[in-house]
């Protein structure tokens, strides 16, 4: 399992519109092969910041299966214009022997 971490900074005044767009977009990602679940968290201290966590079966499922799919273009159109700056996405894997 791979955990995708995407810290998202939303343009001022766009929180409600972003959350509405994400409500639509989450159905796109949830239908992708290798998708295992996601959570979107809103920062308490910094109201323009969110953290998107997505679980994928493999890195390939995210980097190739999703990002190179036609569905990604729809995801991008719905969400990418909200971000400033554009997020740096990182991927994590579990540490063996730790729960």
PDB file of N, CA and C in Angstrom:
ATOM      1  N   UNK A   1       0.838  -1.171   0.000  1.00  0.00           N
ATOM      2  CA  UNK A   1       0.000   0.000   0.000  1.00  0.00           C
ATOM      3  C   UNK A   1       0.885   1.236   0.000  1.00  0.00           C
ATOM      4  N   UNK A   2       0.468   2.242  -0.764  1.00  0.00           N
ATOM      5  CA  UNK A   2       1.160   3.522  -0.862  1.00  0.00           C
ATOM      6  C   UNK A   2       0.207   4.606  -0.377  1.00  0.00           C
ATOM      7  N   UNK A   3       0.729   5.528   0.440  1.00  0.00           N
ATOM      8  CA  UNK A   3      -0.058   6.661   0.903  1.00  0.00           C
ATOM      9  C   UNK A   3       0.425   7.906   0.187  1.00  0.00           C
ATOM     10  N   UNK A   4      -0.460   8.498  -0.584  1.00  0.00           N
ATOM     11  CA  UNK A   4      -0.185   9.770  -1.255  1.00  0.00           C
ATOM     12  C   UNK A   4      -0.547  10.894  -0.296  1.00  0.00           C
ATOM     13  N   UNK A   5       0.355  11.852  -0.149  1.00  0.00           N
ATOM     14  CA  UNK A   5       0.139  13.009   0.711  1.00  0.00           C
ATOM     15  C   UNK A   5       0.223  14.266  -0.151  1.00  0.00           C
ATOM     16  N   UNK A   6      -0.861  15.057  -0.147  1.00  0.00           N
ATOM     17  CA  UNK A   6      -0.891  16.285  -0.939  1.00  0.00           C
ATOM     18  C   UNK A   6      -1.360  17.446  -0.063  1.00  0.00           C
ATOM     19  N   UNK A   7      -0.429  18.290   0.405  1.00  0.00           N
ATOM     20  CA  UNK A   7      -0.826  19.483   1.145  1.00  0.00           C
ATOM     21  C   UNK A   7      -1.363  20.519   0.149  1.00  0.00           C
ATOM     22  N   UNK A   8      -2.574  20.970   0.350  1.00  0.00           N
ATOM     23  CA  UNK A   8      -3.240  21.857  -0.599  1.00  0.00           C
ATOM     24  C   UNK A   8      -3.482  23.227   0.029  1.00  0.00           C
ATOM     25  N   UNK A   9      -2.992  24.269  -0.601  1.00  0.00           N
ATOM     26  CA  UNK A   9      -3.279  25.634  -0.176  1.00  0.00           C
ATOM     27  C   UNK A   9      -4.261  26.219  -1.182  1.00  0.00           C
ATOM     28  N   UNK A  10      -5.442  26.566  -0.695  1.00  0.00           N
ATOM     29  CA  UNK A  10      -6.523  27.059  -1.537  1.00  0.00           C
ATOM     30  C   UNK A  10      -6.492  28.584  -1.551  1.00  0.00           C
ATOM     31  N   UNK A  11      -6.752  29.170  -2.701  1.00  0.00           N
ATOM     32  CA  UNK A  11      -6.763  30.628  -2.840  1.00  0.00           C
ATOM     33  C   UNK A  11      -7.769  31.242  -1.854  1.00  0.00           C
ATOM     34  N   UNK A  12      -7.428  32.390  -1.291  1.00  0.00           N
ATOM     35  CA  UNK A  12      -8.329  33.036  -0.324  1.00  0.00           C
ATOM     36  C   UNK A  12      -9.744  33.230  -0.881  1.00  0.00           C
ATOM     37  N   UNK A  13     -10.709  32.949  -0.016  1.00  0.00           N
ATOM     38  CA  UNK A  13     -12.109  33.107  -0.387  1.00  0.00           C
ATOM     39  C   UNK A  13     -12.680  31.984  -1.219  1.00  0.00           C
ATOM     40  N   UNK A  14     -11.896  30.928  -1.454  1.00  0.00           N
ATOM     41  CA  UNK A  14     -12.324  29.841  -2.342  1.00  0.00           C
ATOM     42  C   UNK A  14     -12.623  28.536  -1.612  1.00  0.00           C
ATOM     43  N   UNK A  15     -12.617  28.539  -0.280  1.00  0.00           N
ATOM     44  CA  UNK A  15     -12.804  27.296   0.469  1.00  0.00           C
ATOM     45  C   UNK A  15     -14.103  26.588   0.119  1.00  0.00           C
ATOM     46  N   UNK A  16     -15.205  27.298   0.151  1.00  0.00           N
ATOM     47  CA  UNK A  16     -16.510  26.664  -0.110  1.00  0.00           C
ATOM     48  C   UNK A  16     -16.569  26.114  -1.532  1.00  0.00           C
ATOM     49  N   UNK A  17     -16.090  26.878  -2.497  1.00  0.00           N
ATOM     50  CA  UNK A  17     -16.091  26.417  -3.889  1.00  0.00           C
ATOM     51  C   UNK A  17     -15.170  25.208  -4.059  1.00  0.00           C
ATOM     52  N   UNK A  18     -14.001  25.228  -3.396  1.00  0.00           N
ATOM     53  CA  UNK A  18     -13.092  24.098  -3.463  1.00  0.00           C
ATOM     54  C   UNK A  18     -13.742  22.847  -2.884  1.00  0.00           C
ATOM     55  N   UNK A  19     -14.356  22.969  -1.720  1.00  0.00           N
ATOM     56  CA  UNK A  19     -14.973  21.809  -1.085  1.00  0.00           C
ATOM     57  C   UNK A  19     -16.113  21.251  -1.940  1.00  0.00           C
ATOM     58  N   UNK A  20     -16.873  22.123  -2.591  1.00  0.00           N
ATOM     59  CA  UNK A  20     -17.946  21.658  -3.486  1.00  0.00           C
ATOM     60  C   UNK A  20     -17.363  20.934  -4.698  1.00  0.00           C
ATOM     61  N   UNK A  21     -16.292  21.481  -5.252  1.00  0.00           N
ATOM     62  CA  UNK A  21     -15.641  20.837  -6.405  1.00  0.00           C
ATOM     63  C   UNK A  21     -15.023  19.506  -5.996  1.00  0.00           C
ATOM     64  N   UNK A  22     -14.435  19.464  -4.801  1.00  0.00           N
ATOM     65  CA  UNK A  22     -13.838  18.211  -4.335  1.00  0.00           C
ATOM     66  C   UNK A  22     -14.912  17.147  -4.129  1.00  0.00           C
ATOM     67  N   UNK A  23     -16.088  17.546  -3.672  1.00  0.00           N
ATOM     68  CA  UNK A  23     -17.183  16.586  -3.503  1.00  0.00           C
ATOM     69  C   UNK A  23     -17.509  15.906  -4.827  1.00  0.00           C
ATOM     70  N   UNK A  24     -17.393  16.623  -5.923  1.00  0.00           N
ATOM     71  CA  UNK A  24     -17.598  16.040  -7.253  1.00  0.00           C
ATOM     72  C   UNK A  24     -16.390  15.189  -7.658  1.00  0.00           C
ATOM     73  N   UNK A  25     -15.201  15.742  -7.461  1.00  0.00           N
ATOM     74  CA  UNK A  25     -13.974  15.103  -7.946  1.00  0.00           C
ATOM     75  C   UNK A  25     -13.661  13.798  -7.228  1.00  0.00           C
ATOM     76  N   UNK A  26     -14.061  13.668  -5.970  1.00  0.00           N
ATOM     77  CA  UNK A  26     -13.705  12.457  -5.233  1.00  0.00           C
ATOM     78  C   UNK A  26     -14.296  11.199  -5.868  1.00  0.00           C
ATOM     79  N   UNK A  27     -15.377  11.340  -6.602  1.00  0.00           N
ATOM     80  CA  UNK A  27     -15.967  10.180  -7.276  1.00  0.00           C
ATOM     81  C   UNK A  27     -15.087   9.710  -8.436  1.00  0.00           C
ATOM     82  N   UNK A  28     -14.349  10.649  -9.013  1.00  0.00           N
ATOM     83  CA  UNK A  28     -13.435  10.301 -10.114  1.00  0.00           C
ATOM     84  C   UNK A  28     -12.318   9.411  -9.586  1.00  0.00           C
ATOM     85  N   UNK A  29     -11.662   9.880  -8.539  1.00  0.00           N
ATOM     86  CA  UNK A  29     -10.513   9.142  -8.011  1.00  0.00           C
ATOM     87  C   UNK A  29     -10.944   7.798  -7.412  1.00  0.00           C
ATOM     88  N   UNK A  30     -12.114   7.782  -6.791  1.00  0.00           N
ATOM     89  CA  UNK A  30     -12.600   6.557  -6.145  1.00  0.00           C
ATOM     90  C   UNK A  30     -12.887   5.444  -7.149  1.00  0.00           C
ATOM     91  N   UNK A  31     -13.082   5.791  -8.406  1.00  0.00           N
ATOM     92  CA  UNK A  31     -13.382   4.793  -9.431  1.00  0.00           C
ATOM     93  C   UNK A  31     -12.132   4.258 -10.125  1.00  0.00           C
ATOM     94  N   UNK A  32     -10.957   4.751  -9.744  1.00  0.00           N
ATOM     95  CA  UNK A  32      -9.725   4.354 -10.428  1.00  0.00           C
ATOM     96  C   UNK A  32      -9.201   3.008  -9.925  1.00  0.00           C
ATOM     97  N   UNK A  33      -8.634   2.201 -10.817  1.00  0.00           N
ATOM     98  CA  UNK A  33      -8.003   0.948 -10.389  1.00  0.00           C
ATOM     99  C   UNK A  33      -6.888   1.220  -9.387  1.00  0.00           C
ATOM    100  N   UNK A  34      -6.822   0.426  -8.349  1.00  0.00           N
ATOM    101  CA  UNK A  34      -5.794   0.565  -7.333  1.00  0.00           C
ATOM    102  C   UNK A  34      -6.141   1.530  -6.216  1.00  0.00           C
ATOM    103  N   UNK A  35      -7.229   2.281  -6.359  1.00  0.00           N
ATOM    104  CA  UNK A  35      -7.663   3.207  -5.310  1.00  0.00           C
ATOM    105  C   UNK A  35      -8.139   2.401  -4.103  1.00  0.00           C
ATOM    106  N   UNK A  36      -7.707   2.819  -2.895  1.00  0.00           N
ATOM    107  CA  UNK A  36      -8.071   2.089  -1.684  1.00  0.00           C
ATOM    108  C   UNK A  36      -8.759   2.971  -0.638  1.00  0.00           C
ATOM    109  N   UNK A  37      -8.876   4.268  -0.892  1.00  0.00           N
ATOM    110  CA  UNK A  37      -9.543   5.156   0.050  1.00  0.00           C
ATOM    111  C   UNK A  37      -8.855   6.507   0.106  1.00  0.00           C
ATOM    112  N   UNK A  38      -9.574   7.489   0.625  1.00  0.00           N
ATOM    113  CA  UNK A  38      -8.993   8.824   0.753  1.00  0.00           C
ATOM    114  C   UNK A  38      -9.635   9.576   1.915  1.00  0.00           C
ATOM    115  N   UNK A  39      -8.968  10.652   2.322  1.00  0.00           N
ATOM    116  CA  UNK A  39      -9.498  11.560   3.335  1.00  0.00           C
ATOM    117  C   UNK A  39      -8.991  12.952   3.011  1.00  0.00           C
ATOM    118  N   UNK A  40      -9.863  13.937   3.178  1.00  0.00           N
ATOM    119  CA  UNK A  40      -9.486  15.332   3.018  1.00  0.00           C
ATOM    120  C   UNK A  40      -9.649  15.998   4.373  1.00  0.00           C
ATOM    121  N   UNK A  41      -8.578  16.611   4.863  1.00  0.00           N
ATOM    122  CA  UNK A  41      -8.585  17.267   6.177  1.00  0.00           C
ATOM    123  C   UNK A  41      -8.396  18.767   5.989  1.00  0.00           C
ATOM    124  N   UNK A  42      -9.116  19.548   6.794  1.00  0.00           N
ATOM    125  CA  UNK A  42      -9.006  21.006   6.774  1.00  0.00           C
ATOM    126  C   UNK A  42      -8.197  21.441   7.984  1.00  0.00           C
ATOM    127  N   UNK A  43      -7.204  22.290   7.779  1.00  0.00           N
ATOM    128  CA  UNK A  43      -6.325  22.731   8.852  1.00  0.00           C
ATOM    129  C   UNK A  43      -7.049  23.695   9.800  1.00  0.00           C
ATOM    130  N   UNK A  44      -6.909  23.462  11.079  1.00  0.00           N
ATOM    131  CA  UNK A  44      -7.537  24.299  12.103  1.00  0.00           C
ATOM    132  C   UNK A  44      -6.832  25.656  12.199  1.00  0.00           C
ATOM    133  N   UNK A  45      -5.501  25.642  12.210  1.00  0.00           N
ATOM    134  CA  UNK A  45      -4.740  26.874  12.402  1.00  0.00           C
ATOM    135  C   UNK A  45      -4.620  27.739  11.146  1.00  0.00           C
ATOM    136  N   UNK A  46      -4.652  27.119   9.991  1.00  0.00           N
ATOM    137  CA  UNK A  46      -4.480  27.832   8.716  1.00  0.00           C
ATOM    138  C   UNK A  46      -5.669  27.507   7.817  1.00  0.00           C
ATOM    139  N   UNK A  47      -6.681  28.360   7.808  1.00  0.00           N
ATOM    140  CA  UNK A  47      -7.937  28.035   7.119  1.00  0.00           C
ATOM    141  C   UNK A  47      -7.839  27.828   5.611  1.00  0.00           C
ATOM    142  N   UNK A  48      -6.752  28.253   4.980  1.00  0.00           N
ATOM    143  CA  UNK A  48      -6.618  28.047   3.539  1.00  0.00           C
ATOM    144  C   UNK A  48      -5.958  26.714   3.205  1.00  0.00           C
ATOM    145  N   UNK A  49      -5.569  25.963   4.234  1.00  0.00           N
ATOM    146  CA  UNK A  49      -4.815  24.736   3.989  1.00  0.00           C
ATOM    147  C   UNK A  49      -5.635  23.478   4.257  1.00  0.00           C
ATOM    148  N   UNK A  50      -5.408  22.505   3.382  1.00  0.00           N
ATOM    149  CA  UNK A  50      -6.035  21.189   3.462  1.00  0.00           C
ATOM    150  C   UNK A  50      -4.939  20.147   3.304  1.00  0.00           C
ATOM    151  N   UNK A  51      -5.233  18.935   3.720  1.00  0.00           N
ATOM    152  CA  UNK A  51      -4.332  17.810   3.497  1.00  0.00           C
ATOM    153  C   UNK A  51      -5.150  16.683   2.886  1.00  0.00           C
ATOM    154  N   UNK A  52      -4.764  16.284   1.689  1.00  0.00           N
ATOM    155  CA  UNK A  52      -5.403  15.163   1.013  1.00  0.00           C
ATOM    156  C   UNK A  52      -4.513  13.942   1.168  1.00  0.00           C
ATOM    157  N   UNK A  53      -5.086  12.871   1.689  1.00  0.00           N
ATOM    158  CA  UNK A  53      -4.402  11.588   1.828  1.00  0.00           C
ATOM    159  C   UNK A  53      -5.161  10.562   1.003  1.00  0.00           C
ATOM    160  N   UNK A  54      -4.450   9.888   0.109  1.00  0.00           N
ATOM    161  CA  UNK A  54      -5.075   8.866  -0.743  1.00  0.00           C
ATOM    162  C   UNK A  54      -4.264   7.590  -0.619  1.00  0.00           C
ATOM    163  N   UNK A  55      -4.954   6.484  -0.371  1.00  0.00           N
ATOM    164  CA  UNK A  55      -4.295   5.182  -0.315  1.00  0.00           C
ATOM    165  C   UNK A  55      -4.429   4.497  -1.674  1.00  0.00           C
ATOM    166  N   UNK A  56      -3.301   4.055  -2.193  1.00  0.00           N
ATOM    167  CA  UNK A  56      -3.234   3.347  -3.469  1.00  0.00           C
ATOM    168  C   UNK A  56      -2.613   1.976  -3.240  1.00  0.00           C
ATOM    169  N   UNK A  57      -2.983   1.019  -4.055  1.00  0.00           N
ATOM    170  CA  UNK A  57      -2.378  -0.311  -3.967  1.00  0.00           C
ATOM    171  C   UNK A  57      -0.890  -0.239  -4.328  1.00  0.00           C
ATOM    172  N   UNK A  58      -0.557   0.528  -5.381  1.00  0.00           N
ATOM    173  CA  UNK A  58       0.838   0.668  -5.812  1.00  0.00           C
ATOM    174  C   UNK A  58       1.099   2.108  -6.249  1.00  0.00           C
ATOM    175  N   UNK A  59       2.348   2.481  -6.306  1.00  0.00           N
ATOM    176  CA  UNK A  59       2.732   3.794  -6.823  1.00  0.00           C
ATOM    177  C   UNK A  59       2.313   3.928  -8.284  1.00  0.00           C
ATOM    178  N   UNK A  60       2.452   2.861  -9.032  1.00  0.00           N
ATOM    179  CA  UNK A  60       2.056   2.848 -10.448  1.00  0.00           C
ATOM    180  C   UNK A  60       0.576   3.196 -10.613  1.00  0.00           C
ATOM    181  N   UNK A  61      -0.268   2.708  -9.703  1.00  0.00           N
ATOM    182  CA  UNK A  61      -1.704   3.009  -9.788  1.00  0.00           C
ATOM    183  C   UNK A  61      -1.955   4.512  -9.755  1.00  0.00           C
ATOM    184  N   UNK A  62      -1.181   5.236  -8.965  1.00  0.00           N
ATOM    185  CA  UNK A  62      -1.359   6.687  -8.899  1.00  0.00           C
ATOM    186  C   UNK A  62      -0.636   7.397 -10.038  1.00  0.00           C
ATOM    187  N   UNK A  63       0.652   7.149 -10.156  1.00  0.00           N
ATOM    188  CA  UNK A  63       1.486   7.905 -11.092  1.00  0.00           C
ATOM    189  C   UNK A  63       1.173   7.634 -12.563  1.00  0.00           C
ATOM    190  N   UNK A  64       0.807   6.423 -12.881  1.00  0.00           N
ATOM    191  CA  UNK A  64       0.519   6.070 -14.274  1.00  0.00           C
ATOM    192  C   UNK A  64      -0.981   5.861 -14.475  1.00  0.00           C
ATOM    193  N   UNK A  65      -1.558   4.952 -13.682  1.00  0.00           N
ATOM    194  CA  UNK A  65      -2.964   4.616 -13.857  1.00  0.00           C
ATOM    195  C   UNK A  65      -3.904   5.800 -13.732  1.00  0.00           C
ATOM    196  N   UNK A  66      -3.675   6.656 -12.743  1.00  0.00           N
ATOM    197  CA  UNK A  66      -4.534   7.824 -12.561  1.00  0.00           C
ATOM    198  C   UNK A  66      -4.026   9.039 -13.325  1.00  0.00           C
ATOM    199  N   UNK A  67      -2.789   9.410 -13.095  1.00  0.00           N
ATOM    200  CA  UNK A  67      -2.286  10.663 -13.671  1.00  0.00           C
ATOM    201  C   UNK A  67      -2.178  10.650 -15.192  1.00  0.00           C
ATOM    202  N   UNK A  68      -2.132   9.492 -15.793  1.00  0.00           N
ATOM    203  CA  UNK A  68      -2.068   9.430 -17.253  1.00  0.00           C
ATOM    204  C   UNK A  68      -3.395   9.017 -17.868  1.00  0.00           C
ATOM    205  N   UNK A  69      -4.462   9.096 -17.076  1.00  0.00           N
ATOM    206  CA  UNK A  69      -5.784   8.690 -17.554  1.00  0.00           C
ATOM    207  C   UNK A  69      -6.599   9.900 -18.028  1.00  0.00           C
ATOM    208  N   UNK A  70      -7.597   9.663 -18.868  1.00  0.00           N
ATOM    209  CA  UNK A  70      -8.518  10.740 -19.246  1.00  0.00           C
ATOM    210  C   UNK A  70      -9.264  11.307 -18.026  1.00  0.00           C
ATOM    211  N   UNK A  71      -9.515  10.469 -17.027  1.00  0.00           N
ATOM    212  CA  UNK A  71     -10.209  10.920 -15.826  1.00  0.00           C
ATOM    213  C   UNK A  71      -9.403  11.973 -15.073  1.00  0.00           C
ATOM    214  N   UNK A  72      -8.069  11.882 -15.153  1.00  0.00           N
ATOM    215  CA  UNK A  72      -7.226  12.872 -14.484  1.00  0.00           C
ATOM    216  C   UNK A  72      -7.462  14.264 -15.061  1.00  0.00           C
ATOM    217  N   UNK A  73      -7.729  14.337 -16.352  1.00  0.00           N
ATOM    218  CA  UNK A  73      -7.993  15.640 -16.967  1.00  0.00           C
ATOM    219  C   UNK A  73      -9.245  16.281 -16.371  1.00  0.00           C
ATOM    220  N   UNK A  74     -10.251  15.488 -16.085  1.00  0.00           N
ATOM    221  CA  UNK A  74     -11.464  15.999 -15.440  1.00  0.00           C
ATOM    222  C   UNK A  74     -11.159  16.440 -14.003  1.00  0.00           C
ATOM    223  N   UNK A  75     -10.400  15.622 -13.264  1.00  0.00           N
ATOM    224  CA  UNK A  75      -9.963  15.960 -11.901  1.00  0.00           C
ATOM    225  C   UNK A  75      -9.222  17.297 -11.905  1.00  0.00           C
ATOM    226  N   UNK A  76      -8.292  17.418 -12.830  1.00  0.00           N
ATOM    227  CA  UNK A  76      -7.471  18.614 -12.959  1.00  0.00           C
ATOM    228  C   UNK A  76      -8.342  19.844 -13.240  1.00  0.00           C
ATOM    229  N   UNK A  77      -9.283  19.705 -14.131  1.00  0.00           N
ATOM    230  CA  UNK A  77     -10.170  20.824 -14.489  1.00  0.00           C
ATOM    231  C   UNK A  77     -11.030  21.258 -13.303  1.00  0.00           C
ATOM    232  N   UNK A  78     -11.472  20.300 -12.504  1.00  0.00           N
ATOM    233  CA  UNK A  78     -12.300  20.616 -11.343  1.00  0.00           C
ATOM    234  C   UNK A  78     -11.512  21.279 -10.212  1.00  0.00           C
ATOM    235  N   UNK A  79     -10.249  20.891 -10.008  1.00  0.00           N
ATOM    236  CA  UNK A  79      -9.552  21.268  -8.782  1.00  0.00           C
ATOM    237  C   UNK A  79      -8.303  22.135  -8.913  1.00  0.00           C
ATOM    238  N   UNK A  80      -7.529  21.977  -9.946  1.00  0.00           N
ATOM    239  CA  UNK A  80      -6.202  22.588  -9.961  1.00  0.00           C
ATOM    240  C   UNK A  80      -6.198  24.114  -9.913  1.00  0.00           C
ATOM    241  N   UNK A  81      -7.234  24.760 -10.381  1.00  0.00           N
ATOM    242  CA  UNK A  81      -7.259  26.229 -10.373  1.00  0.00           C
ATOM    243  C   UNK A  81      -7.440  26.814  -8.970  1.00  0.00           C
ATOM    244  N   UNK A  82      -7.751  25.986  -7.979  1.00  0.00           N
ATOM    245  CA  UNK A  82      -7.907  26.460  -6.603  1.00  0.00           C
ATOM    246  C   UNK A  82      -6.569  26.600  -5.872  1.00  0.00           C
ATOM    247  N   UNK A  83      -5.505  25.967  -6.343  1.00  0.00           N
ATOM    248  CA  UNK A  83      -4.266  25.863  -5.574  1.00  0.00           C
ATOM    249  C   UNK A  83      -3.294  27.005  -5.852  1.00  0.00           C
ATOM    250  N   UNK A  84      -2.738  27.553  -4.783  1.00  0.00           N
ATOM    251  CA  UNK A  84      -1.691  28.553  -4.898  1.00  0.00           C
ATOM    252  C   UNK A  84      -0.844  28.513  -3.636  1.00  0.00           C
ATOM    253  N   UNK A  85       0.346  27.930  -3.723  1.00  0.00           N
ATOM    254  CA  UNK A  85       1.021  27.371  -4.897  1.00  0.00           C
ATOM    255  C   UNK A  85       0.510  25.961  -5.212  1.00  0.00           C
ATOM    256  N   UNK A  86       0.956  25.455  -6.348  1.00  0.00           N
ATOM    257  CA  UNK A  86       0.592  24.092  -6.710  1.00  0.00           C
ATOM    258  C   UNK A  86       1.278  23.128  -5.736  1.00  0.00           C
ATOM    259  N   UNK A  87       0.561  22.110  -5.257  1.00  0.00           N
ATOM    260  CA  UNK A  87       1.120  21.231  -4.217  1.00  0.00           C
ATOM    261  C   UNK A  87       2.235  20.313  -4.714  1.00  0.00           C
ATOM    262  N   UNK A  88       3.108  20.001  -3.777  1.00  0.00           N
ATOM    263  CA  UNK A  88       4.112  18.958  -3.991  1.00  0.00           C
ATOM    264  C   UNK A  88       3.553  17.677  -3.383  1.00  0.00           C
ATOM    265  N   UNK A  89       3.336  16.688  -4.214  1.00  0.00           N
ATOM    266  CA  UNK A  89       2.757  15.418  -3.781  1.00  0.00           C
ATOM    267  C   UNK A  89       3.882  14.442  -3.471  1.00  0.00           C
ATOM    268  N   UNK A  90       3.771  13.792  -2.317  1.00  0.00           N
ATOM    269  CA  UNK A  90       4.749  12.779  -1.918  1.00  0.00           C
ATOM    270  C   UNK A  90       4.039  11.463  -1.652  1.00  0.00           C
ATOM    271  N   UNK A  91       4.797  10.381  -1.724  1.00  0.00           N
ATOM    272  CA  UNK A  91       4.254   9.041  -1.532  1.00  0.00           C
ATOM    273  C   UNK A  91       5.018   8.351  -0.404  1.00  0.00           C
ATOM    274  N   UNK A  92       4.261   7.637   0.432  1.00  0.00           N
ATOM    275  CA  UNK A  92       4.847   6.960   1.589  1.00  0.00           C
ATOM    276  C   UNK A  92       4.432   5.490   1.571  1.00  0.00           C
ATOM    277  N   UNK A  93       5.304   4.660   2.133  1.00  0.00           N
ATOM    278  CA  UNK A  93       4.973   3.247   2.303  1.00  0.00           C
ATOM    279  C   UNK A  93       5.136   2.892   3.769  1.00  0.00           C
ATOM    280  N   UNK A  94       4.423   1.882   4.226  1.00  0.00           N
ATOM    281  CA  UNK A  94       4.528   1.490   5.638  1.00  0.00           C
ATOM    282  C   UNK A  94       5.941   1.046   5.997  1.00  0.00           C
ATOM    283  N   UNK A  95       6.300   1.276   7.226  1.00  0.00           N
ATOM    284  CA  UNK A  95       7.589   0.814   7.743  1.00  0.00           C
ATOM    285  C   UNK A  95       7.382  -0.605   8.264  1.00  0.00           C
ATOM    286  N   UNK A  96       8.179  -1.538   7.771  1.00  0.00           N
ATOM    287  CA  UNK A  96       8.037  -2.944   8.147  1.00  0.00           C
ATOM    288  C   UNK A  96       8.174  -3.125   9.657  1.00  0.00           C
ATOM    289  N   UNK A  97       7.292  -3.914  10.211  1.00  0.00           N
ATOM    290  CA  UNK A  97       7.360  -4.255  11.638  1.00  0.00           C
ATOM    291  C   UNK A  97       6.688  -3.261  12.564  1.00  0.00           C
ATOM    292  N   UNK A  98       6.170  -2.174  12.011  1.00  0.00           N
ATOM    293  CA  UNK A  98       5.475  -1.179  12.829  1.00  0.00           C
ATOM    294  C   UNK A  98       4.017  -1.099  12.422  1.00  0.00           C
ATOM    295  N   UNK A  99       3.147  -1.002  13.410  1.00  0.00           N
ATOM    296  CA  UNK A  99       1.712  -0.931  13.126  1.00  0.00           C
ATOM    297  C   UNK A  99       1.267   0.493  12.989  1.00  0.00           C
TER     298      UNK A  99
END
